[in-house]
Amino acid sequence: MTKNAMKSEMKLIGMLDSPFVRRVAISAKLLGLPFEHEQLSVFRHVDAVKAINPVVKAPTLVTGDGTMLIDSSLIADYLDRLVAPDARLLPEALDARVRALALIGLALAAMEKTVQVVYEYGLRPEDKRHQPWLDRVLDQLGAAYGELEKRIAGVPGWLLGGERPTQADVTVAVAWRFTQFMAATYADLARIDPARYPALAAHSARAEALPAFVETPLD
């Protein structure tokens, strides 16, 4: 099977209200890789997702040869390998790659902690919630965004200083948008106030104006 055939037959499974799914979808679009998107929920469409992925996890990517990939970072790595090195979202040069990975790690932590808050309120009965755990998660979330704010403050343009967005730009922007979107429903997340994170807010606005982001809305 040719590489082009693999590109045209990829299928992404998952809802765009997941930052991990949205991250993959935006990455594929920025790379110019066509794919079919099945917006299946791991909660509302369990049987349909299980028929594709027995683990019932999103995002799931089915490649052109039928290989099932899970985990957004592993999928993003696969997508990068479908294009030329100079077109990839994760830099090849070690120093730039490490800087990107540091930002991506913090952004993924912010996604994970936001999801934990959402699940705690959205899925767990009120009398079963453990406030010390919630406080710990919220502290971790604030720490992740605090570190990101320090690292990107004063950086002009894209986060690694290039002329186009990298995977760091995608992941940071997607994480920030997800937390802000969920803050409208879950008051505890409102402590991640854009006024306290001006560099993150500005970066998010820049990224969200790109066609790949506009065409892949969270809501």
C-alpha atoms as a PDB file:
ATOM      1  CA  MET A   1       0.000   0.000   0.000  1.00  0.00           C
ATOM      2  CA  THR A   2       1.386   3.425  -0.889  1.00  0.00           C
ATOM      3  CA  LYS A   3       1.830   6.215   1.609  1.00  0.00           C
ATOM      4  CA  ASN A   4      -0.797   8.306  -0.209  1.00  0.00           C
ATOM      5  CA  ALA A   5      -3.301   5.466   0.063  1.00  0.00           C
ATOM      6  CA  MET A   6      -2.628   5.258   3.775  1.00  0.00           C
ATOM      7  CA  LYS A   7      -3.272   8.982   4.131  1.00  0.00           C
ATOM      8  CA  SER A   8      -6.584   8.895   2.306  1.00  0.00           C
ATOM      9  CA  GLU A   9      -7.955   6.002   4.311  1.00  0.00           C
ATOM     10  CA  MET A  10      -7.155   7.103   7.846  1.00  0.00           C
ATOM     11  CA  LYS A  11     -10.069   7.242  10.248  1.00  0.00           C
ATOM     12  CA  LEU A  12     -10.135   9.242  13.484  1.00  0.00           C
ATOM     13  CA  ILE A  13     -12.548   8.165  16.206  1.00  0.00           C
ATOM     14  CA  GLY A  14     -13.623  10.494  19.004  1.00  0.00           C
ATOM     15  CA  MET A  15     -15.476  13.660  19.909  1.00  0.00           C
ATOM     16  CA  LEU A  16     -13.968  17.114  19.499  1.00  0.00           C
ATOM     17  CA  ASP A  17     -14.948  18.013  23.053  1.00  0.00           C
ATOM     18  CA  SER A  18     -11.961  15.859  23.996  1.00  0.00           C
ATOM     19  CA  PRO A  19      -8.791  17.979  23.816  1.00  0.00           C
ATOM     20  CA  PHE A  20      -6.831  14.864  22.912  1.00  0.00           C
ATOM     21  CA  VAL A  21      -9.051  14.143  19.905  1.00  0.00           C
ATOM     22  CA  ARG A  22      -9.062  17.793  18.870  1.00  0.00           C
ATOM     23  CA  ARG A  23      -5.276  17.888  19.106  1.00  0.00           C
ATOM     24  CA  VAL A  24      -4.983  14.986  16.668  1.00  0.00           C
ATOM     25  CA  ALA A  25      -7.556  16.381  14.237  1.00  0.00           C
ATOM     26  CA  ILE A  26      -5.897  19.803  14.114  1.00  0.00           C
ATOM     27  CA  SER A  27      -2.460  18.240  13.712  1.00  0.00           C
ATOM     28  CA  ALA A  28      -3.634  16.172  10.736  1.00  0.00           C
ATOM     29  CA  LYS A  29      -5.108  19.265   9.094  1.00  0.00           C
ATOM     30  CA  LEU A  30      -1.969  21.328   9.618  1.00  0.00           C
ATOM     31  CA  LEU A  31       0.019  18.504   8.033  1.00  0.00           C
ATOM     32  CA  GLY A  32      -2.361  18.359   5.062  1.00  0.00           C
ATOM     33  CA  LEU A  33      -3.352  14.757   5.786  1.00  0.00           C
ATOM     34  CA  PRO A  34      -6.900  13.770   4.788  1.00  0.00           C
ATOM     35  CA  PHE A  35      -8.855  11.598   7.180  1.00  0.00           C
ATOM     36  CA  GLU A  36     -12.377  10.489   7.939  1.00  0.00           C
ATOM     37  CA  HIS A  37     -13.663  11.611  11.317  1.00  0.00           C
ATOM     38  CA  GLU A  38     -16.260   9.575  13.203  1.00  0.00           C
ATOM     39  CA  GLN A  39     -17.501  11.615  16.142  1.00  0.00           C
ATOM     40  CA  LEU A  40     -18.295   8.747  18.474  1.00  0.00           C
ATOM     41  CA  SER A  41     -18.507   9.243  22.225  1.00  0.00           C
ATOM     42  CA  VAL A  42     -16.830   6.750  24.553  1.00  0.00           C
ATOM     43  CA  PHE A  43     -19.800   7.307  26.890  1.00  0.00           C
ATOM     44  CA  ARG A  44     -22.808   7.483  24.558  1.00  0.00           C
ATOM     45  CA  HIS A  45     -21.606   5.153  21.785  1.00  0.00           C
ATOM     46  CA  VAL A  46     -19.765   2.506  23.765  1.00  0.00           C
ATOM     47  CA  ASP A  47     -20.679  -0.436  21.548  1.00  0.00           C
ATOM     48  CA  ALA A  48     -19.766   1.398  18.345  1.00  0.00           C
ATOM     49  CA  VAL A  49     -16.400   2.461  19.744  1.00  0.00           C
ATOM     50  CA  LYS A  50     -15.748  -0.991  21.205  1.00  0.00           C
ATOM     51  CA  ALA A  51     -16.263  -2.519  17.767  1.00  0.00           C
ATOM     52  CA  ILE A  52     -13.321  -0.406  16.556  1.00  0.00           C
ATOM     53  CA  ASN A  53     -11.239  -0.290  19.723  1.00  0.00           C
ATOM     54  CA  PRO A  54     -11.928  -2.853  22.472  1.00  0.00           C
ATOM     55  CA  VAL A  55     -10.270  -0.530  24.998  1.00  0.00           C
ATOM     56  CA  VAL A  56     -12.971   2.109  24.276  1.00  0.00           C
ATOM     57  CA  LYS A  57     -10.493   4.984  24.276  1.00  0.00           C
ATOM     58  CA  ALA A  58     -10.395   8.219  22.308  1.00  0.00           C
ATOM     59  CA  PRO A  59      -8.677   9.287  20.245  1.00  0.00           C
ATOM     60  CA  THR A  60      -8.345   6.160  18.179  1.00  0.00           C
ATOM     61  CA  LEU A  61      -6.763   6.335  14.738  1.00  0.00           C
ATOM     62  CA  VAL A  62      -7.230   3.515  12.256  1.00  0.00           C
ATOM     63  CA  THR A  63      -4.500   3.657   9.623  1.00  0.00           C
ATOM     64  CA  GLY A  64      -4.933   2.755   5.985  1.00  0.00           C
ATOM     65  CA  ASP A  65      -3.709  -0.787   6.593  1.00  0.00           C
ATOM     66  CA  GLY A  66      -6.126  -1.250   9.499  1.00  0.00           C
ATOM     67  CA  THR A  67      -3.670  -0.724  12.347  1.00  0.00           C
ATOM     68  CA  MET A  68      -5.320   0.761  15.433  1.00  0.00           C
ATOM     69  CA  LEU A  69      -3.384   3.489  17.237  1.00  0.00           C
ATOM     70  CA  ILE A  70      -4.319   5.042  20.568  1.00  0.00           C
ATOM     71  CA  ASP A  71      -2.878   7.912  22.644  1.00  0.00           C
ATOM     72  CA  SER A  72      -2.758  11.360  21.075  1.00  0.00           C
ATOM     73  CA  SER A  73       1.029  11.688  21.291  1.00  0.00           C
ATOM     74  CA  LEU A  74       1.634   8.353  19.600  1.00  0.00           C
ATOM     75  CA  ILE A  75      -0.865   9.250  16.891  1.00  0.00           C
ATOM     76  CA  ALA A  76       0.747  12.669  16.413  1.00  0.00           C
ATOM     77  CA  ASP A  77       4.129  10.977  16.006  1.00  0.00           C
ATOM     78  CA  TYR A  78       2.680   8.643  13.350  1.00  0.00           C
ATOM     79  CA  LEU A  79       1.127  11.539  11.464  1.00  0.00           C
ATOM     80  CA  ASP A  80       4.419  13.412  11.456  1.00  0.00           C
ATOM     81  CA  ARG A  81       6.100  10.431   9.802  1.00  0.00           C
ATOM     82  CA  LEU A  82       3.712  10.639   6.850  1.00  0.00           C
ATOM     83  CA  VAL A  83       5.192  13.946   5.704  1.00  0.00           C
ATOM     84  CA  ALA A  84       8.661  15.229   4.840  1.00  0.00           C
ATOM     85  CA  PRO A  85      10.922  16.107   7.806  1.00  0.00           C
ATOM     86  CA  ASP A  86      10.764  19.851   7.132  1.00  0.00           C
ATOM     87  CA  ALA A  87       6.945  19.749   7.230  1.00  0.00           C
ATOM     88  CA  ARG A  88       6.621  17.910  10.546  1.00  0.00           C
ATOM     89  CA  LEU A  89       5.076  19.537  13.586  1.00  0.00           C
ATOM     90  CA  LEU A  90       7.674  18.219  16.008  1.00  0.00           C
ATOM     91  CA  PRO A  91      11.136  19.614  15.206  1.00  0.00           C
ATOM     92  CA  GLU A  92      13.908  17.259  14.182  1.00  0.00           C
ATOM     93  CA  ALA A  93      16.775  19.267  15.733  1.00  0.00           C
ATOM     94  CA  LEU A  94      17.390  18.049  19.281  1.00  0.00           C
ATOM     95  CA  ASP A  95      17.445  21.417  21.046  1.00  0.00           C
ATOM     96  CA  ALA A  96      14.207  22.608  19.434  1.00  0.00           C
ATOM     97  CA  ARG A  97      12.647  19.186  19.953  1.00  0.00           C
ATOM     98  CA  VAL A  98      13.420  19.213  23.672  1.00  0.00           C
ATOM     99  CA  ARG A  99      11.959  22.722  24.047  1.00  0.00           C
ATOM    100  CA  ALA A 100       8.830  21.585  22.230  1.00  0.00           C
ATOM    101  CA  LEU A 101       8.521  18.428  24.325  1.00  0.00           C
ATOM    102  CA  ALA A 102       8.836  20.426  27.551  1.00  0.00           C
ATOM    103  CA  LEU A 103       5.916  22.650  26.537  1.00  0.00           C
ATOM    104  CA  ILE A 104       3.873  19.714  25.255  1.00  0.00           C
ATOM    105  CA  GLY A 105       4.343  17.823  28.510  1.00  0.00           C
ATOM    106  CA  LEU A 106       3.026  20.728  30.554  1.00  0.00           C
ATOM    107  CA  ALA A 107       0.082  21.232  28.206  1.00  0.00           C
ATOM    108  CA  LEU A 108      -0.825  17.536  28.305  1.00  0.00           C
ATOM    109  CA  ALA A 109      -0.714  17.685  32.099  1.00  0.00           C
ATOM    110  CA  ALA A 110      -3.101  20.646  31.996  1.00  0.00           C
ATOM    111  CA  MET A 111      -5.456  18.700  29.721  1.00  0.00           C
ATOM    112  CA  GLU A 112      -5.347  15.682  32.015  1.00  0.00           C
ATOM    113  CA  LYS A 113      -6.013  17.710  35.166  1.00  0.00           C
ATOM    114  CA  THR A 114      -8.882  19.590  33.522  1.00  0.00           C
ATOM    115  CA  VAL A 115     -10.434  16.276  32.482  1.00  0.00           C
ATOM    116  CA  GLN A 116     -10.082  14.995  36.053  1.00  0.00           C
ATOM    117  CA  VAL A 117     -11.974  18.008  37.394  1.00  0.00           C
ATOM    118  CA  VAL A 118     -14.700  17.548  34.771  1.00  0.00           C
ATOM    119  CA  TYR A 119     -15.051  13.855  35.591  1.00  0.00           C
ATOM    120  CA  GLU A 120     -15.089  14.530  39.330  1.00  0.00           C
ATOM    121  CA  TYR A 121     -18.043  16.884  38.976  1.00  0.00           C
ATOM    122  CA  GLY A 122     -19.713  15.368  35.949  1.00  0.00           C
ATOM    123  CA  LEU A 123     -19.539  11.673  36.830  1.00  0.00           C
ATOM    124  CA  ARG A 124     -19.038  11.311  40.569  1.00  0.00           C
ATOM    125  CA  PRO A 125     -22.026  11.787  42.944  1.00  0.00           C
ATOM    126  CA  GLU A 126     -21.637  14.870  45.122  1.00  0.00           C
ATOM    127  CA  ASP A 127     -21.461  12.864  48.355  1.00  0.00           C
ATOM    128  CA  LYS A 128     -18.603  10.791  46.902  1.00  0.00           C
ATOM    129  CA  ARG A 129     -16.340  13.682  45.946  1.00  0.00           C
ATOM    130  CA  HIS A 130     -13.085  13.996  47.831  1.00  0.00           C
ATOM    131  CA  GLN A 131     -12.213  17.668  48.244  1.00  0.00           C
ATOM    132  CA  PRO A 132      -8.533  17.123  49.138  1.00  0.00           C
ATOM    133  CA  TRP A 133      -8.149  15.253  45.857  1.00  0.00           C
ATOM    134  CA  LEU A 134      -9.883  18.025  43.924  1.00  0.00           C
ATOM    135  CA  ASP A 135      -7.677  20.627  45.590  1.00  0.00           C
ATOM    136  CA  ARG A 136      -4.583  18.653  44.630  1.00  0.00           C
ATOM    137  CA  VAL A 137      -5.716  18.358  41.000  1.00  0.00           C
ATOM    138  CA  LEU A 138      -6.526  22.059  40.806  1.00  0.00           C
ATOM    139  CA  ASP A 139      -3.134  22.945  42.284  1.00  0.00           C
ATOM    140  CA  GLN A 140      -1.458  20.758  39.647  1.00  0.00           C
ATOM    141  CA  LEU A 141      -3.515  22.419  36.926  1.00  0.00           C
ATOM    142  CA  GLY A 142      -2.520  25.885  38.124  1.00  0.00           C
ATOM    143  CA  ALA A 143       1.119  24.828  38.323  1.00  0.00           C
ATOM    144  CA  ALA A 144       1.085  23.505  34.754  1.00  0.00           C
ATOM    145  CA  TYR A 145      -0.350  26.728  33.376  1.00  0.00           C
ATOM    146  CA  GLY A 146       1.930  28.806  35.606  1.00  0.00           C
ATOM    147  CA  GLU A 147       4.978  27.090  34.153  1.00  0.00           C
ATOM    148  CA  LEU A 148       3.675  27.492  30.612  1.00  0.00           C
ATOM    149  CA  GLU A 149       2.988  31.183  31.176  1.00  0.00           C
ATOM    150  CA  LYS A 150       6.554  31.753  32.412  1.00  0.00           C
ATOM    151  CA  ARG A 151       8.083  29.851  29.519  1.00  0.00           C
ATOM    152  CA  ILE A 152       6.152  31.515  26.712  1.00  0.00           C
ATOM    153  CA  ALA A 153       5.920  35.075  28.087  1.00  0.00           C
ATOM    154  CA  GLY A 154       7.756  37.427  25.780  1.00  0.00           C
ATOM    155  CA  VAL A 155       8.111  34.890  22.974  1.00  0.00           C
ATOM    156  CA  PRO A 156       7.087  36.625  19.734  1.00  0.00           C
ATOM    157  CA  GLY A 157       5.098  34.694  17.168  1.00  0.00           C
ATOM    158  CA  TRP A 158       4.956  30.935  17.507  1.00  0.00           C
ATOM    159  CA  LEU A 159       6.345  29.295  20.615  1.00  0.00           C
ATOM    160  CA  LEU A 160       9.574  28.028  19.098  1.00  0.00           C
ATOM    161  CA  GLY A 161      10.134  31.218  17.136  1.00  0.00           C
ATOM    162  CA  GLY A 162       9.507  29.724  13.701  1.00  0.00           C
ATOM    163  CA  GLU A 163       7.277  30.898  10.893  1.00  0.00           C
ATOM    164  CA  ARG A 164       4.684  28.170  11.368  1.00  0.00           C
ATOM    165  CA  PRO A 165       3.064  26.463  14.354  1.00  0.00           C
ATOM    166  CA  THR A 166       4.613  23.339  15.817  1.00  0.00           C
ATOM    167  CA  GLN A 167       3.109  20.572  17.896  1.00  0.00           C
ATOM    168  CA  ALA A 168       3.918  22.683  20.962  1.00  0.00           C
ATOM    169  CA  ASP A 169       1.708  25.482  19.626  1.00  0.00           C
ATOM    170  CA  VAL A 170      -1.112  23.062  18.861  1.00  0.00           C
ATOM    171  CA  THR A 171      -1.054  21.274  22.190  1.00  0.00           C
ATOM    172  CA  VAL A 172      -0.733  24.402  24.337  1.00  0.00           C
ATOM    173  CA  ALA A 173      -3.549  26.177  22.484  1.00  0.00           C
ATOM    174  CA  VAL A 174      -5.873  23.168  22.574  1.00  0.00           C
ATOM    175  CA  ALA A 175      -5.272  22.664  26.297  1.00  0.00           C
ATOM    176  CA  TRP A 176      -5.940  26.312  27.114  1.00  0.00           C
ATOM    177  CA  ARG A 177      -9.138  26.449  25.048  1.00  0.00           C
ATOM    178  CA  PHE A 178     -10.431  23.271  26.683  1.00  0.00           C
ATOM    179  CA  THR A 179      -9.867  24.554  30.216  1.00  0.00           C
ATOM    180  CA  GLN A 180     -11.488  27.898  29.445  1.00  0.00           C
ATOM    181  CA  PHE A 181     -14.444  26.224  27.772  1.00  0.00           C
ATOM    182  CA  MET A 182     -15.020  23.940  30.750  1.00  0.00           C
ATOM    183  CA  ALA A 183     -14.640  26.823  33.217  1.00  0.00           C
ATOM    184  CA  ALA A 184     -18.040  28.080  32.080  1.00  0.00           C
ATOM    185  CA  THR A 185     -19.585  24.930  33.568  1.00  0.00           C
ATOM    186  CA  TYR A 186     -17.252  24.038  36.422  1.00  0.00           C
ATOM    187  CA  ALA A 187     -16.577  27.022  38.670  1.00  0.00           C
ATOM    188  CA  ASP A 188     -13.376  25.612  40.154  1.00  0.00           C
ATOM    189  CA  LEU A 189     -11.747  25.900  36.732  1.00  0.00           C
ATOM    190  CA  ALA A 190     -12.489  29.627  36.667  1.00  0.00           C
ATOM    191  CA  ARG A 191      -9.441  30.132  38.882  1.00  0.00           C
ATOM    192  CA  ILE A 192      -7.461  29.708  35.637  1.00  0.00           C
ATOM    193  CA  ASP A 193      -8.275  33.333  34.862  1.00  0.00           C
ATOM    194  CA  PRO A 194      -7.014  34.610  31.485  1.00  0.00           C
ATOM    195  CA  ALA A 195      -6.053  37.866  33.179  1.00  0.00           C
ATOM    196  CA  ARG A 196      -3.419  35.958  35.142  1.00  0.00           C
ATOM    197  CA  TYR A 197      -2.092  34.207  32.042  1.00  0.00           C
ATOM    198  CA  PRO A 198      -1.887  36.888  29.325  1.00  0.00           C
ATOM    199  CA  ALA A 199       0.745  35.090  27.237  1.00  0.00           C
ATOM    200  CA  LEU A 200      -1.322  31.904  27.141  1.00  0.00           C
ATOM    201  CA  ALA A 201      -4.491  33.807  26.313  1.00  0.00           C
ATOM    202  CA  ALA A 202      -2.744  35.660  23.473  1.00  0.00           C
ATOM    203  CA  HIS A 203      -1.193  32.487  22.087  1.00  0.00           C
ATOM    204  CA  SER A 204      -4.544  30.705  22.175  1.00  0.00           C
ATOM    205  CA  ALA A 205      -6.254  33.542  20.306  1.00  0.00           C
ATOM    206  CA  ARG A 206      -3.552  33.470  17.620  1.00  0.00           C
ATOM    207  CA  ALA A 207      -3.796  29.714  17.167  1.00  0.00           C
ATOM    208  CA  GLU A 208      -7.592  29.555  17.275  1.00  0.00           C
ATOM    209  CA  ALA A 209      -7.720  31.978  14.338  1.00  0.00           C
ATOM    210  CA  LEU A 210      -5.936  29.477  12.077  1.00  0.00           C
ATOM    211  CA  PRO A 211      -8.193  27.633   9.583  1.00  0.00           C
ATOM    212  CA  ALA A 212      -7.247  24.230  11.012  1.00  0.00           C
ATOM    213  CA  PHE A 213      -8.528  25.330  14.431  1.00  0.00           C
ATOM    214  CA  VAL A 214     -11.604  27.175  13.128  1.00  0.00           C
ATOM    215  CA  GLU A 215     -12.624  24.092  11.130  1.00  0.00           C
ATOM    216  CA  THR A 216     -12.197  21.911  14.212  1.00  0.00           C
ATOM    217  CA  PRO A 217     -14.314  23.588  16.891  1.00  0.00           C
ATOM    218  CA  LEU A 218     -14.432  22.340  20.445  1.00  0.00           C
ATOM    219  CA  ASP A 219     -18.088  23.208  20.863  1.00  0.00           C
END
